N, C-alpha and C. Protein backbone atom coordinates (compact mmCIF):
# COMPACT_ATOMS: atom_id res chain seq x y z
N MET A 1 75.45 102.17 106.21
CA MET A 1 76.69 101.37 106.63
C MET A 1 76.54 101.32 108.18
N LYS A 2 76.91 99.89 108.32
CA LYS A 2 76.77 99.60 109.85
C LYS A 2 77.99 98.71 110.34
N ARG A 3 78.31 97.76 109.57
CA ARG A 3 79.47 96.80 109.91
C ARG A 3 80.71 97.38 109.47
N ILE A 4 81.57 97.92 110.33
CA ILE A 4 82.86 98.37 109.94
C ILE A 4 83.95 97.38 110.43
N TYR A 5 84.76 97.02 109.68
CA TYR A 5 85.93 96.30 109.88
C TYR A 5 87.02 97.21 110.27
N ILE A 6 87.82 97.06 111.50
CA ILE A 6 88.79 97.97 111.89
C ILE A 6 90.10 97.29 111.67
N ALA A 7 90.95 97.90 110.97
CA ALA A 7 92.18 97.28 110.52
C ALA A 7 93.36 98.27 111.20
N GLY A 8 94.43 97.50 111.57
CA GLY A 8 95.62 98.41 112.16
C GLY A 8 96.60 97.40 112.69
N PRO A 9 97.70 97.79 113.19
CA PRO A 9 98.91 96.98 113.74
C PRO A 9 98.33 96.20 114.96
N TYR A 10 98.69 94.89 114.83
CA TYR A 10 98.43 94.21 115.98
C TYR A 10 99.92 93.55 116.50
N SER A 11 100.62 92.86 115.72
CA SER A 11 101.86 92.30 115.97
C SER A 11 102.91 93.34 116.16
N ALA A 12 103.97 92.96 117.01
CA ALA A 12 105.19 93.84 117.20
C ALA A 12 106.35 93.02 117.64
N ASP A 13 107.44 93.58 117.65
CA ASP A 13 108.71 92.93 118.04
C ASP A 13 108.80 92.52 119.61
N ASN A 14 107.87 93.03 120.35
CA ASN A 14 107.92 92.71 121.84
C ASN A 14 106.53 92.93 122.25
N VAL A 15 106.41 92.19 123.43
CA VAL A 15 105.09 92.06 124.10
C VAL A 15 104.45 93.41 124.55
N MET A 16 105.34 94.40 124.91
CA MET A 16 104.71 95.63 125.37
C MET A 16 104.13 96.23 124.25
N ASP A 17 104.73 96.23 123.08
CA ASP A 17 104.15 97.06 121.86
C ASP A 17 102.85 96.35 121.39
N VAL A 18 103.01 94.86 121.38
CA VAL A 18 101.74 94.10 121.14
C VAL A 18 100.49 94.55 122.08
N LEU A 19 100.83 94.70 123.36
CA LEU A 19 99.88 95.12 124.25
C LEU A 19 99.45 96.68 124.03
N ARG A 20 100.31 97.45 123.67
CA ARG A 20 99.87 98.81 123.20
C ARG A 20 98.90 98.64 121.95
N ASN A 21 99.40 97.86 121.07
CA ASN A 21 98.43 97.75 119.79
C ASN A 21 97.16 97.32 120.04
N ILE A 22 97.18 96.34 120.97
CA ILE A 22 95.71 95.82 121.42
C ILE A 22 94.93 96.85 122.10
N ARG A 23 95.55 97.60 122.88
CA ARG A 23 94.75 98.61 123.65
C ARG A 23 94.16 99.83 122.68
N GLU A 24 95.23 100.27 121.80
CA GLU A 24 94.86 101.23 120.76
C GLU A 24 93.71 100.74 119.86
N GLY A 25 93.83 99.43 119.38
CA GLY A 25 92.72 98.87 118.46
C GLY A 25 91.47 98.88 119.20
N ILE A 26 91.46 98.42 120.33
CA ILE A 26 90.12 98.20 121.13
C ILE A 26 89.55 99.60 121.49
N LYS A 27 90.53 100.50 121.55
CA LYS A 27 90.07 102.01 121.95
C LYS A 27 89.20 102.52 120.71
N ILE A 28 89.88 102.46 119.59
CA ILE A 28 89.24 102.97 118.52
C ILE A 28 87.86 102.04 118.16
N SER A 29 88.00 100.68 118.29
CA SER A 29 86.84 99.87 117.93
C SER A 29 85.68 100.34 119.00
N THR A 30 85.98 100.69 120.25
CA THR A 30 85.05 101.19 121.18
C THR A 30 84.41 102.52 120.78
N GLU A 31 85.11 103.51 120.16
CA GLU A 31 84.80 104.86 119.78
C GLU A 31 83.83 104.41 118.66
N VAL A 32 83.98 103.61 117.54
CA VAL A 32 83.30 103.35 116.54
C VAL A 32 81.95 102.56 116.99
N PHE A 33 81.93 101.74 117.96
CA PHE A 33 80.80 101.19 118.58
C PHE A 33 79.90 102.13 119.30
N LYS A 34 80.37 103.16 119.98
CA LYS A 34 79.71 104.13 120.67
C LYS A 34 78.85 105.12 119.73
N LEU A 35 79.55 105.19 118.42
CA LEU A 35 78.90 105.95 117.44
C LEU A 35 77.67 105.21 116.68
N GLY A 36 77.47 104.03 117.12
CA GLY A 36 76.28 103.45 116.49
C GLY A 36 76.70 102.25 115.64
N TYR A 37 77.84 102.10 115.11
CA TYR A 37 78.35 101.23 114.28
C TYR A 37 78.63 99.78 114.98
N SER A 38 78.71 98.76 114.08
CA SER A 38 78.93 97.36 114.55
C SER A 38 80.34 97.01 114.07
N PRO A 39 81.23 97.36 115.02
CA PRO A 39 82.78 97.27 114.54
C PRO A 39 83.20 95.73 114.62
N PHE A 40 84.01 95.19 113.78
CA PHE A 40 84.74 93.91 113.94
C PHE A 40 86.21 94.27 114.30
N SER A 41 86.56 93.82 115.64
CA SER A 41 87.72 94.43 116.23
C SER A 41 88.73 93.22 116.39
N PRO A 42 89.70 93.04 115.41
CA PRO A 42 90.67 91.92 115.43
C PRO A 42 91.52 91.97 116.69
N TRP A 43 91.58 92.92 117.54
CA TRP A 43 92.45 92.97 118.67
C TRP A 43 91.84 92.06 119.78
N LEU A 44 90.50 91.92 119.59
CA LEU A 44 89.87 90.92 120.61
C LEU A 44 90.07 89.44 120.38
N ASP A 45 90.85 89.24 119.41
CA ASP A 45 91.44 87.96 119.04
C ASP A 45 92.09 87.23 120.11
N PHE A 46 92.86 88.01 121.14
CA PHE A 46 93.59 87.50 122.26
C PHE A 46 92.88 86.47 122.93
N HIS A 47 91.52 86.55 123.09
CA HIS A 47 90.62 85.90 123.89
C HIS A 47 90.73 84.58 123.33
N PHE A 48 90.78 84.21 122.15
CA PHE A 48 90.90 82.89 121.49
C PHE A 48 92.20 82.20 121.88
N VAL A 49 93.31 83.02 121.94
CA VAL A 49 94.64 82.54 122.29
C VAL A 49 94.61 81.93 123.65
N LEU A 50 93.89 82.68 124.62
CA LEU A 50 93.90 82.46 126.16
C LEU A 50 93.13 81.18 126.23
N MET A 51 92.04 80.76 125.29
CA MET A 51 91.43 79.60 125.48
C MET A 51 92.01 78.47 124.60
N ASP A 52 92.84 78.68 123.81
CA ASP A 52 93.43 77.68 122.96
C ASP A 52 94.46 76.92 123.72
N ILE A 53 94.09 76.02 124.78
CA ILE A 53 94.89 75.32 125.76
C ILE A 53 96.00 74.48 124.77
N GLY A 54 95.54 73.77 123.80
CA GLY A 54 96.33 72.90 123.07
C GLY A 54 97.11 73.62 122.01
N ASN A 55 97.18 74.84 121.88
CA ASN A 55 97.89 75.73 121.05
C ASN A 55 97.52 75.14 119.51
N GLU A 56 96.35 74.85 119.25
CA GLU A 56 95.87 74.35 117.89
C GLU A 56 95.84 75.43 116.83
N LEU A 57 95.45 76.77 117.32
CA LEU A 57 95.17 77.95 116.39
C LEU A 57 96.51 78.35 115.79
N LYS A 58 96.40 78.66 114.68
CA LYS A 58 97.63 79.12 114.01
C LYS A 58 97.36 80.53 113.46
N LEU A 59 98.43 81.31 113.18
CA LEU A 59 98.33 82.58 112.64
C LEU A 59 97.31 82.59 111.21
N GLU A 60 97.45 81.60 110.57
CA GLU A 60 96.76 81.49 109.24
C GLU A 60 95.15 81.34 109.58
N ASP A 61 94.90 80.71 110.72
CA ASP A 61 93.41 80.65 111.17
C ASP A 61 92.77 82.06 111.43
N PHE A 62 93.63 83.02 111.89
CA PHE A 62 93.18 84.39 112.28
C PHE A 62 93.06 85.10 110.94
N TYR A 63 94.10 84.93 110.20
CA TYR A 63 93.97 85.68 108.73
C TYR A 63 92.58 85.30 108.18
N ARG A 64 92.39 83.90 108.10
CA ARG A 64 91.29 83.46 107.29
C ARG A 64 89.96 83.99 107.97
N TYR A 65 89.85 83.83 109.35
CA TYR A 65 88.58 84.36 110.04
C TYR A 65 88.52 85.76 109.91
N SER A 66 89.46 86.66 109.83
CA SER A 66 89.49 88.04 109.75
C SER A 66 88.96 88.45 108.25
N ILE A 67 89.53 87.83 107.25
CA ILE A 67 89.02 87.96 105.81
C ILE A 67 87.53 87.67 105.56
N ASP A 68 87.16 86.60 106.33
CA ASP A 68 85.68 86.19 106.29
C ASP A 68 84.78 87.31 106.74
N TRP A 69 85.16 87.93 107.80
CA TRP A 69 84.44 89.06 108.39
C TRP A 69 84.57 90.26 107.48
N LEU A 70 85.83 90.57 107.04
CA LEU A 70 85.83 91.66 105.92
C LEU A 70 85.00 91.62 104.89
N ALA A 71 84.85 90.34 104.28
CA ALA A 71 84.07 90.02 103.27
C ALA A 71 82.51 90.43 103.41
N VAL A 72 82.07 90.45 104.70
CA VAL A 72 80.59 90.79 104.86
C VAL A 72 80.48 92.09 105.54
N SER A 73 81.70 92.94 105.60
CA SER A 73 81.56 94.17 106.11
C SER A 73 81.21 95.28 105.11
N ASP A 74 80.64 96.28 105.62
CA ASP A 74 80.15 97.40 104.71
C ASP A 74 81.29 98.58 104.53
N ALA A 75 82.32 98.39 105.22
CA ALA A 75 83.60 99.18 105.02
C ALA A 75 84.56 98.79 105.92
N ILE A 76 85.79 99.34 105.54
CA ILE A 76 87.09 99.08 106.56
C ILE A 76 87.50 100.38 106.95
N LEU A 77 87.98 100.51 108.18
CA LEU A 77 88.74 101.60 108.77
C LEU A 77 90.16 101.29 108.99
N MET A 78 90.95 101.88 108.31
CA MET A 78 92.45 101.72 108.47
C MET A 78 92.98 102.71 109.69
N THR A 79 93.62 102.12 110.56
CA THR A 79 94.09 102.79 111.83
C THR A 79 95.47 102.68 112.05
N GLY A 80 96.03 103.63 112.73
CA GLY A 80 97.39 103.51 113.18
C GLY A 80 98.29 103.34 112.06
N ASP A 81 99.54 102.80 112.27
CA ASP A 81 100.51 102.61 111.25
C ASP A 81 100.12 101.35 110.37
N TRP A 82 99.01 101.20 109.86
CA TRP A 82 98.36 100.07 109.05
C TRP A 82 99.37 99.78 107.94
N GLN A 83 100.12 100.64 107.32
CA GLN A 83 100.84 100.42 106.28
C GLN A 83 102.16 99.41 106.59
N ASN A 84 102.58 99.43 107.58
CA ASN A 84 103.58 98.61 108.12
C ASN A 84 103.10 97.37 108.88
N SER A 85 101.83 96.90 108.53
CA SER A 85 101.31 95.72 109.13
C SER A 85 101.02 94.82 108.10
N LYS A 86 101.59 93.63 108.01
CA LYS A 86 101.34 92.72 106.98
C LYS A 86 99.89 92.30 106.82
N GLY A 87 99.27 92.05 107.88
CA GLY A 87 97.74 91.75 107.86
C GLY A 87 96.99 92.77 107.47
N SER A 88 97.03 94.09 108.04
CA SER A 88 96.42 95.23 107.63
C SER A 88 96.68 95.63 106.03
N ALA A 89 97.81 95.35 105.48
CA ALA A 89 98.09 95.58 104.06
C ALA A 89 97.26 94.70 103.16
N LYS A 90 97.24 93.31 103.71
CA LYS A 90 96.38 92.35 103.06
C LYS A 90 94.98 92.73 103.03
N GLU A 91 94.33 93.18 104.27
CA GLU A 91 93.23 93.38 104.45
C GLU A 91 92.73 94.65 103.55
N TRP A 92 93.66 95.65 103.39
CA TRP A 92 93.38 96.85 102.51
C TRP A 92 93.33 96.37 101.06
N GLU A 93 94.23 95.41 100.63
CA GLU A 93 94.23 94.85 99.30
C GLU A 93 93.00 94.15 99.00
N TYR A 94 92.51 93.47 100.00
CA TYR A 94 91.23 92.71 99.72
C TYR A 94 90.05 93.65 99.58
N ALA A 95 90.09 94.66 100.44
CA ALA A 95 88.87 95.74 100.51
C ALA A 95 88.92 96.48 98.92
N LYS A 96 90.10 96.76 98.68
CA LYS A 96 90.07 97.60 97.17
C LYS A 96 89.81 96.62 96.25
N LYS A 97 90.22 95.34 96.18
CA LYS A 97 89.90 94.50 95.19
C LYS A 97 88.34 93.92 95.14
N ASN A 98 87.70 94.14 96.15
CA ASN A 98 86.21 93.75 96.28
C ASN A 98 85.39 94.95 96.46
N ASN A 99 85.73 96.12 96.21
CA ASN A 99 84.97 97.33 96.21
C ASN A 99 84.46 97.56 97.64
N ILE A 100 85.11 97.28 98.74
CA ILE A 100 84.72 97.56 100.08
C ILE A 100 85.29 99.00 100.31
N PRO A 101 84.36 99.92 100.71
CA PRO A 101 84.80 101.37 100.73
C PRO A 101 85.81 101.34 101.96
N VAL A 102 87.04 102.14 101.84
CA VAL A 102 88.18 102.15 102.64
C VAL A 102 88.13 103.54 103.35
N PHE A 103 88.19 103.79 104.71
CA PHE A 103 88.33 105.03 105.37
C PHE A 103 89.66 104.90 106.04
N TYR A 104 90.01 106.19 106.44
CA TYR A 104 91.44 106.27 107.08
C TYR A 104 91.26 107.14 108.34
N SER A 105 90.03 107.55 108.73
CA SER A 105 89.80 108.22 110.13
C SER A 105 88.19 107.95 110.30
N ILE A 106 88.05 108.10 111.77
CA ILE A 106 86.51 107.98 112.08
C ILE A 106 85.74 109.25 111.60
N GLY A 107 86.50 110.43 111.45
CA GLY A 107 85.82 111.52 110.85
C GLY A 107 85.36 111.31 109.37
N GLU A 108 86.20 110.87 108.56
CA GLU A 108 85.92 110.47 107.11
C GLU A 108 84.82 109.39 107.24
N LEU A 109 84.81 108.46 108.03
CA LEU A 109 83.69 107.56 107.91
C LEU A 109 82.28 108.10 108.28
N ILE A 110 82.24 108.92 109.26
CA ILE A 110 81.14 109.68 109.73
C ILE A 110 80.47 110.36 108.52
N LYS A 111 81.52 111.45 107.92
CA LYS A 111 81.10 112.18 106.84
C LYS A 111 80.49 111.38 105.62
N SER A 112 81.34 110.50 105.45
CA SER A 112 80.75 109.66 104.19
C SER A 112 79.31 108.95 104.52
N ASP A 113 79.16 108.51 105.67
CA ASP A 113 77.96 107.99 106.26
C ASP A 113 76.74 109.07 106.09
N ILE A 114 76.98 110.30 106.69
CA ILE A 114 75.95 111.35 106.64
C ILE A 114 75.63 111.54 105.22
N GLU A 115 76.81 111.84 104.38
CA GLU A 115 76.50 112.08 102.97
C GLU A 115 75.65 111.03 102.15
N ASN A 116 75.89 109.78 102.44
CA ASN A 116 75.09 108.74 101.94
C ASN A 116 73.70 108.73 102.41
N LYS A 117 73.34 109.11 103.79
CA LYS A 117 71.92 109.13 104.25
C LYS A 117 71.29 110.34 103.58
N LEU A 118 72.09 111.46 103.40
CA LEU A 118 71.35 112.61 102.96
C LEU A 118 71.13 112.50 101.36
N ASN A 119 71.97 111.65 100.67
CA ASN A 119 71.70 111.40 99.23
C ASN A 119 70.40 110.36 99.11
N ASN A 120 70.25 109.56 100.10
CA ASN A 120 69.07 108.76 100.15
C ASN A 120 67.94 109.50 100.30
N ILE A 121 67.74 110.50 101.00
CA ILE A 121 66.68 111.31 101.36
C ILE A 121 66.23 112.08 100.16
N CYS A 122 67.26 112.62 99.44
CA CYS A 122 66.97 113.49 98.35
C CYS A 122 66.59 112.79 97.12
């Protein structure tokens, strides 16, 4: 397992909570990256918005692009209060429907990865 899609809350009712969600998502993505995985971090999408001078990008564009990355991921890691995030709930449903392994903590991800590596040795 190498490519890990990180899912969790992004949107919020106010800008301060959006920024907190971005900070937390990037923090978790960085932890996963430091462990040797290749995370897809949707919270880095804000860069696209900063460069979208004509405001041509729509929310649907981000959903499509995220699902395209989830489709080629080895697993998805659900973080934070993902159950209350429309986007994360859709990503979870997609993963389940397409047999993409779902993890709910970094520890669970690491444990599964180690077990898989041990099974391949034996």
